[in-house]
């Protein structure tokens, strides 16, 4: 005869098993090593700080400046 603690432990184990089975798979992102614009290597520190960046600092600055000019900001 099981007591309340055994029943509670069994329910908790089942809940954990369900949660693990239903959890979303980890998203694996590929970080580009070379700039999508100029083809030069993206600085390692920039890749670490800005996840998913596709441009080196120089190209990113160019695009930011151009967008400010085009958008009038």
PDB file of N, CA and C in Angstrom:
ATOM      1  N   UNK A   1       0.847  -1.176   0.000  1.00  0.00           N
ATOM      2  CA  UNK A   1       0.000   0.000   0.000  1.00  0.00           C
ATOM      3  C   UNK A   1       0.893   1.239   0.000  1.00  0.00           C
ATOM      4  N   UNK A   2       0.690   2.109  -0.986  1.00  0.00           N
ATOM      5  CA  UNK A   2       1.523   3.292  -1.076  1.00  0.00           C
ATOM      6  C   UNK A   2       0.916   4.439  -0.267  1.00  0.00           C
ATOM      7  N   UNK A   3       1.817   5.221   0.287  1.00  0.00           N
ATOM      8  CA  UNK A   3       1.328   6.361   1.054  1.00  0.00           C
ATOM      9  C   UNK A   3       1.311   7.611   0.172  1.00  0.00           C
ATOM     10  N   UNK A   4       0.859   8.700   0.732  1.00  0.00           N
ATOM     11  CA  UNK A   4       0.704   9.941  -0.029  1.00  0.00           C
ATOM     12  C   UNK A   4       2.028  10.438  -0.614  1.00  0.00           C
ATOM     13  N   UNK A   5       3.114  10.258   0.094  1.00  0.00           N
ATOM     14  CA  UNK A   5       4.421  10.708  -0.388  1.00  0.00           C
ATOM     15  C   UNK A   5       4.824   9.927  -1.633  1.00  0.00           C
ATOM     16  N   UNK A   6       4.589   8.634  -1.657  1.00  0.00           N
ATOM     17  CA  UNK A   6       4.917   7.819  -2.829  1.00  0.00           C
ATOM     18  C   UNK A   6       4.094   8.261  -4.036  1.00  0.00           C
ATOM     19  N   UNK A   7       2.829   8.519  -3.815  1.00  0.00           N
ATOM     20  CA  UNK A   7       1.949   8.966  -4.903  1.00  0.00           C
ATOM     21  C   UNK A   7       2.414  10.323  -5.422  1.00  0.00           C
ATOM     22  N   UNK A   8       2.733  11.225  -4.507  1.00  0.00           N
ATOM     23  CA  UNK A   8       3.199  12.553  -4.907  1.00  0.00           C
ATOM     24  C   UNK A   8       4.500  12.458  -5.690  1.00  0.00           C
ATOM     25  N   UNK A   9       5.424  11.613  -5.249  1.00  0.00           N
ATOM     26  CA  UNK A   9       6.692  11.445  -5.960  1.00  0.00           C
ATOM     27  C   UNK A   9       6.479  10.874  -7.349  1.00  0.00           C
ATOM     28  N   UNK A  10       5.558   9.926  -7.464  1.00  0.00           N
ATOM     29  CA  UNK A  10       5.271   9.336  -8.769  1.00  0.00           C
ATOM     30  C   UNK A  10       4.688  10.382  -9.707  1.00  0.00           C
ATOM     31  N   UNK A  11       3.754  11.197  -9.207  1.00  0.00           N
ATOM     32  CA  UNK A  11       3.161  12.258 -10.028  1.00  0.00           C
ATOM     33  C   UNK A  11       4.206  13.289 -10.438  1.00  0.00           C
ATOM     34  N   UNK A  12       5.093  13.627  -9.520  1.00  0.00           N
ATOM     35  CA  UNK A  12       6.148  14.592  -9.835  1.00  0.00           C
ATOM     36  C   UNK A  12       7.093  14.033 -10.895  1.00  0.00           C
ATOM     37  N   UNK A  13       7.468  12.769 -10.767  1.00  0.00           N
ATOM     38  CA  UNK A  13       8.335  12.138 -11.761  1.00  0.00           C
ATOM     39  C   UNK A  13       7.679  12.118 -13.132  1.00  0.00           C
ATOM     40  N   UNK A  14       6.386  11.826 -13.175  1.00  0.00           N
ATOM     41  CA  UNK A  14       5.667  11.804 -14.449  1.00  0.00           C
ATOM     42  C   UNK A  14       5.588  13.206 -15.057  1.00  0.00           C
ATOM     43  N   UNK A  15       5.372  14.208 -14.216  1.00  0.00           N
ATOM     44  CA  UNK A  15       5.307  15.583 -14.710  1.00  0.00           C
ATOM     45  C   UNK A  15       6.651  16.018 -15.292  1.00  0.00           C
ATOM     46  N   UNK A  16       7.727  15.661 -14.618  1.00  0.00           N
ATOM     47  CA  UNK A  16       9.061  15.999 -15.123  1.00  0.00           C
ATOM     48  C   UNK A  16       9.326  15.282 -16.436  1.00  0.00           C
ATOM     49  N   UNK A  17       8.956  14.018 -16.523  1.00  0.00           N
ATOM     50  CA  UNK A  17       9.163  13.245 -17.756  1.00  0.00           C
ATOM     51  C   UNK A  17       8.370  13.864 -18.907  1.00  0.00           C
ATOM     52  N   UNK A  18       7.136  14.290 -18.640  1.00  0.00           N
ATOM     53  CA  UNK A  18       6.321  14.934 -19.686  1.00  0.00           C
ATOM     54  C   UNK A  18       6.940  16.252 -20.123  1.00  0.00           C
ATOM     55  N   UNK A  19       7.388  17.040 -19.162  1.00  0.00           N
ATOM     56  CA  UNK A  19       7.989  18.334 -19.482  1.00  0.00           C
ATOM     57  C   UNK A  19       9.245  18.166 -20.326  1.00  0.00           C
ATOM     58  N   UNK A  20      10.066  17.189 -19.969  1.00  0.00           N
ATOM     59  CA  UNK A  20      11.280  16.944 -20.752  1.00  0.00           C
ATOM     60  C   UNK A  20      10.958  16.453 -22.153  1.00  0.00           C
ATOM     61  N   UNK A  21       9.936  15.629 -22.278  1.00  0.00           N
ATOM     62  CA  UNK A  21       9.565  15.105 -23.590  1.00  0.00           C
ATOM     63  C   UNK A  21       8.960  16.194 -24.471  1.00  0.00           C
ATOM     64  N   UNK A  22       8.279  17.146 -23.866  1.00  0.00           N
ATOM     65  CA  UNK A  22       7.581  18.180 -24.630  1.00  0.00           C
ATOM     66  C   UNK A  22       8.383  19.464 -24.813  1.00  0.00           C
ATOM     67  N   UNK A  23       9.543  19.534 -24.184  1.00  0.00           N
ATOM     68  CA  UNK A  23      10.300  20.778 -24.268  1.00  0.00           C
ATOM     69  C   UNK A  23      10.735  21.040 -25.700  1.00  0.00           C
ATOM     70  N   UNK A  24      10.826  22.303 -26.005  1.00  0.00           N
ATOM     71  CA  UNK A  24      11.281  22.705 -27.334  1.00  0.00           C
ATOM     72  C   UNK A  24      12.739  22.330 -27.502  1.00  0.00           C
ATOM     73  N   UNK A  25      13.080  21.907 -28.680  1.00  0.00           N
ATOM     74  CA  UNK A  25      14.471  21.589 -28.962  1.00  0.00           C
ATOM     75  C   UNK A  25      15.275  22.877 -28.959  1.00  0.00           C
ATOM     76  N   UNK A  26      16.491  22.790 -28.511  1.00  0.00           N
ATOM     77  CA  UNK A  26      17.364  23.953 -28.463  1.00  0.00           C
ATOM     78  C   UNK A  26      17.593  24.483 -29.878  1.00  0.00           C
ATOM     79  N   UNK A  27      17.522  25.780 -30.007  1.00  0.00           N
ATOM     80  CA  UNK A  27      17.745  26.416 -31.293  1.00  0.00           C
ATOM     81  C   UNK A  27      19.242  26.586 -31.483  1.00  0.00           C
ATOM     82  N   UNK A  28      19.731  26.052 -32.556  1.00  0.00           N
ATOM     83  CA  UNK A  28      21.147  26.177 -32.864  1.00  0.00           C
ATOM     84  C   UNK A  28      21.280  27.176 -34.002  1.00  0.00           C
ATOM     85  N   UNK A  29      21.972  28.248 -33.722  1.00  0.00           N
ATOM     86  CA  UNK A  29      22.158  29.255 -34.756  1.00  0.00           C
ATOM     87  C   UNK A  29      23.576  29.166 -35.287  1.00  0.00           C
ATOM     88  N   UNK A  30      23.695  29.394 -36.544  1.00  0.00           N
ATOM     89  CA  UNK A  30      25.007  29.409 -37.178  1.00  0.00           C
ATOM     90  C   UNK A  30      25.435  30.865 -37.281  1.00  0.00           C
ATOM     91  N   UNK A  31      26.558  31.143 -36.703  1.00  0.00           N
ATOM     92  CA  UNK A  31      27.067  32.503 -36.776  1.00  0.00           C
ATOM     93  C   UNK A  31      28.022  32.606 -37.955  1.00  0.00           C
ATOM     94  N   UNK A  32      27.733  33.535 -38.844  1.00  0.00           N
ATOM     95  CA  UNK A  32      28.654  33.701 -39.964  1.00  0.00           C
ATOM     96  C   UNK A  32      30.009  34.215 -39.469  1.00  0.00           C
ATOM     97  N   UNK A  33      31.036  33.753 -40.106  1.00  0.00           N
ATOM     98  CA  UNK A  33      32.387  34.182 -39.744  1.00  0.00           C
ATOM     99  C   UNK A  33      32.824  35.329 -40.639  1.00  0.00           C
ATOM    100  N   UNK A  34      32.341  35.333 -41.875  1.00  0.00           N
ATOM    101  CA  UNK A  34      32.705  36.378 -42.828  1.00  0.00           C
ATOM    102  C   UNK A  34      31.526  37.308 -43.066  1.00  0.00           C
ATOM    103  N   UNK A  35      31.832  38.576 -43.261  1.00  0.00           N
ATOM    104  CA  UNK A  35      30.831  39.614 -43.492  1.00  0.00           C
ATOM    105  C   UNK A  35      30.051  39.309 -44.774  1.00  0.00           C
ATOM    106  N   UNK A  36      28.746  39.441 -44.700  1.00  0.00           N
ATOM    107  CA  UNK A  36      27.893  39.178 -45.860  1.00  0.00           C
ATOM    108  C   UNK A  36      28.078  40.232 -46.940  1.00  0.00           C
ATOM    109  N   UNK A  37      28.596  41.397 -46.579  1.00  0.00           N
ATOM    110  CA  UNK A  37      28.759  42.479 -47.548  1.00  0.00           C
ATOM    111  C   UNK A  37      30.138  42.475 -48.200  1.00  0.00           C
ATOM    112  N   UNK A  38      31.195  42.516 -47.374  1.00  0.00           N
ATOM    113  CA  UNK A  38      32.548  42.661 -47.934  1.00  0.00           C
ATOM    114  C   UNK A  38      33.338  41.357 -47.960  1.00  0.00           C
ATOM    115  N   UNK A  39      32.879  40.348 -47.229  1.00  0.00           N
ATOM    116  CA  UNK A  39      33.566  39.069 -47.220  1.00  0.00           C
ATOM    117  C   UNK A  39      34.733  38.974 -46.251  1.00  0.00           C
ATOM    118  N   UNK A  40      35.055  40.081 -45.582  1.00  0.00           N
ATOM    119  CA  UNK A  40      36.134  40.067 -44.589  1.00  0.00           C
ATOM    120  C   UNK A  40      35.646  39.365 -43.323  1.00  0.00           C
ATOM    121  N   UNK A  41      36.577  38.838 -42.531  1.00  0.00           N
ATOM    122  CA  UNK A  41      36.163  38.184 -41.278  1.00  0.00           C
ATOM    123  C   UNK A  41      35.489  39.170 -40.326  1.00  0.00           C
ATOM    124  N   UNK A  42      34.404  38.710 -39.693  1.00  0.00           N
ATOM    125  CA  UNK A  42      33.747  39.516 -38.665  1.00  0.00           C
ATOM    126  C   UNK A  42      34.559  39.378 -37.393  1.00  0.00           C
ATOM    127  N   UNK A  43      34.783  40.479 -36.730  1.00  0.00           N
ATOM    128  CA  UNK A  43      35.585  40.489 -35.522  1.00  0.00           C
ATOM    129  C   UNK A  43      34.993  39.527 -34.492  1.00  0.00           C
ATOM    130  N   UNK A  44      35.834  38.667 -33.872  1.00  0.00           N
ATOM    131  CA  UNK A  44      35.323  37.704 -32.883  1.00  0.00           C
ATOM    132  C   UNK A  44      34.532  38.364 -31.753  1.00  0.00           C
ATOM    133  N   UNK A  45      35.003  39.492 -31.260  1.00  0.00           N
ATOM    134  CA  UNK A  45      34.290  40.175 -30.180  1.00  0.00           C
ATOM    135  C   UNK A  45      32.907  40.625 -30.641  1.00  0.00           C
ATOM    136  N   UNK A  46      32.816  41.080 -31.881  1.00  0.00           N
ATOM    137  CA  UNK A  46      31.516  41.508 -32.433  1.00  0.00           C
ATOM    138  C   UNK A  46      30.574  40.316 -32.545  1.00  0.00           C
ATOM    139  N   UNK A  47      31.101  39.169 -32.995  1.00  0.00           N
ATOM    140  CA  UNK A  47      30.256  37.971 -33.103  1.00  0.00           C
ATOM    141  C   UNK A  47      29.745  37.541 -31.741  1.00  0.00           C
ATOM    142  N   UNK A  48      30.568  37.697 -30.715  1.00  0.00           N
ATOM    143  CA  UNK A  48      30.157  37.316 -29.364  1.00  0.00           C
ATOM    144  C   UNK A  48      29.111  38.277 -28.811  1.00  0.00           C
ATOM    145  N   UNK A  49      29.299  39.567 -29.046  1.00  0.00           N
ATOM    146  CA  UNK A  49      28.399  40.574 -28.484  1.00  0.00           C
ATOM    147  C   UNK A  49      27.074  40.690 -29.218  1.00  0.00           C
ATOM    148  N   UNK A  50      27.093  40.501 -30.526  1.00  0.00           N
ATOM    149  CA  UNK A  50      25.888  40.681 -31.330  1.00  0.00           C
ATOM    150  C   UNK A  50      25.563  39.357 -32.002  1.00  0.00           C
ATOM    151  N   UNK A  51      24.742  38.579 -31.334  1.00  0.00           N
ATOM    152  CA  UNK A  51      24.379  37.262 -31.862  1.00  0.00           C
ATOM    153  C   UNK A  51      23.674  37.415 -33.206  1.00  0.00           C
ATOM    154  N   UNK A  52      24.104  36.633 -34.172  1.00  0.00           N
ATOM    155  CA  UNK A  52      23.469  36.637 -35.477  1.00  0.00           C
ATOM    156  C   UNK A  52      23.917  37.744 -36.407  1.00  0.00           C
ATOM    157  N   UNK A  53      24.925  38.515 -35.998  1.00  0.00           N
ATOM    158  CA  UNK A  53      25.389  39.585 -36.878  1.00  0.00           C
ATOM    159  C   UNK A  53      25.924  39.000 -38.180  1.00  0.00           C
ATOM    160  N   UNK A  54      25.672  39.703 -39.254  1.00  0.00           N
ATOM    161  CA  UNK A  54      26.128  39.241 -40.568  1.00  0.00           C
ATOM    162  C   UNK A  54      27.145  40.188 -41.180  1.00  0.00           C
ATOM    163  N   UNK A  55      27.442  41.286 -40.481  1.00  0.00           N
ATOM    164  CA  UNK A  55      28.338  42.297 -41.042  1.00  0.00           C
ATOM    165  C   UNK A  55      29.456  42.631 -40.069  1.00  0.00           C
ATOM    166  N   UNK A  56      30.613  42.963 -40.629  1.00  0.00           N
ATOM    167  CA  UNK A  56      31.734  43.430 -39.827  1.00  0.00           C
ATOM    168  C   UNK A  56      31.389  44.826 -39.303  1.00  0.00           C
ATOM    169  N   UNK A  57      32.188  45.327 -38.390  1.00  0.00           N
ATOM    170  CA  UNK A  57      31.909  46.629 -37.776  1.00  0.00           C
ATOM    171  C   UNK A  57      31.912  47.741 -38.823  1.00  0.00           C
ATOM    172  N   UNK A  58      32.840  47.681 -39.765  1.00  0.00           N
ATOM    173  CA  UNK A  58      32.931  48.736 -40.770  1.00  0.00           C
ATOM    174  C   UNK A  58      31.679  48.780 -41.656  1.00  0.00           C
ATOM    175  N   UNK A  59      31.215  47.628 -42.115  1.00  0.00           N
ATOM    176  CA  UNK A  59      30.012  47.594 -42.955  1.00  0.00           C
ATOM    177  C   UNK A  59      28.772  47.966 -42.148  1.00  0.00           C
ATOM    178  N   UNK A  60      28.719  47.518 -40.899  1.00  0.00           N
ATOM    179  CA  UNK A  60      27.582  47.864 -40.046  1.00  0.00           C
ATOM    180  C   UNK A  60      27.514  49.377 -39.851  1.00  0.00           C
ATOM    181  N   UNK A  61      28.667  50.005 -39.641  1.00  0.00           N
ATOM    182  CA  UNK A  61      28.705  51.464 -39.496  1.00  0.00           C
ATOM    183  C   UNK A  61      28.251  52.145 -40.779  1.00  0.00           C
ATOM    184  N   UNK A  62      28.688  51.630 -41.912  1.00  0.00           N
ATOM    185  CA  UNK A  62      28.264  52.187 -43.198  1.00  0.00           C
ATOM    186  C   UNK A  62      26.743  52.133 -43.338  1.00  0.00           C
ATOM    187  N   UNK A  63      26.151  50.974 -43.047  1.00  0.00           N
ATOM    188  CA  UNK A  63      24.704  50.834 -43.177  1.00  0.00           C
ATOM    189  C   UNK A  63      23.964  51.730 -42.189  1.00  0.00           C
ATOM    190  N   UNK A  64      24.478  51.857 -40.969  1.00  0.00           N
ATOM    191  CA  UNK A  64      23.838  52.718 -39.976  1.00  0.00           C
ATOM    192  C   UNK A  64      23.877  54.172 -40.428  1.00  0.00           C
ATOM    193  N   UNK A  65      25.011  54.608 -40.947  1.00  0.00           N
ATOM    194  CA  UNK A  65      25.143  55.978 -41.434  1.00  0.00           C
ATOM    195  C   UNK A  65      24.232  56.209 -42.632  1.00  0.00           C
ATOM    196  N   UNK A  66      24.218  55.280 -43.548  1.00  0.00           N
ATOM    197  CA  UNK A  66      23.361  55.409 -44.726  1.00  0.00           C
ATOM    198  C   UNK A  66      21.889  55.461 -44.325  1.00  0.00           C
ATOM    199  N   UNK A  67      21.482  54.621 -43.395  1.00  0.00           N
ATOM    200  CA  UNK A  67      20.086  54.610 -42.975  1.00  0.00           C
ATOM    201  C   UNK A  67      19.703  55.927 -42.287  1.00  0.00           C
ATOM    202  N   UNK A  68      20.628  56.480 -41.497  1.00  0.00           N
ATOM    203  CA  UNK A  68      20.336  57.778 -40.879  1.00  0.00           C
ATOM    204  C   UNK A  68      20.166  58.845 -41.945  1.00  0.00           C
ATOM    205  N   UNK A  69      21.015  58.811 -42.968  1.00  0.00           N
ATOM    206  CA  UNK A  69      20.949  59.801 -44.042  1.00  0.00           C
ATOM    207  C   UNK A  69      19.651  59.638 -44.830  1.00  0.00           C
ATOM    208  N   UNK A  70      19.328  58.399 -45.204  1.00  0.00           N
ATOM    209  CA  UNK A  70      18.138  58.132 -46.015  1.00  0.00           C
ATOM    210  C   UNK A  70      16.864  58.443 -45.237  1.00  0.00           C
ATOM    211  N   UNK A  71      16.842  58.075 -43.961  1.00  0.00           N
ATOM    212  CA  UNK A  71      15.655  58.274 -43.145  1.00  0.00           C
ATOM    213  C   UNK A  71      15.597  59.661 -42.510  1.00  0.00           C
ATOM    214  N   UNK A  72      16.638  60.461 -42.687  1.00  0.00           N
ATOM    215  CA  UNK A  72      16.648  61.806 -42.155  1.00  0.00           C
ATOM    216  C   UNK A  72      16.763  61.895 -40.650  1.00  0.00           C
ATOM    217  N   UNK A  73      17.396  60.927 -40.056  1.00  0.00           N
ATOM    218  CA  UNK A  73      17.552  60.944 -38.587  1.00  0.00           C
ATOM    219  C   UNK A  73      18.966  61.209 -38.215  1.00  0.00           C
TER     220      UNK A  73
END
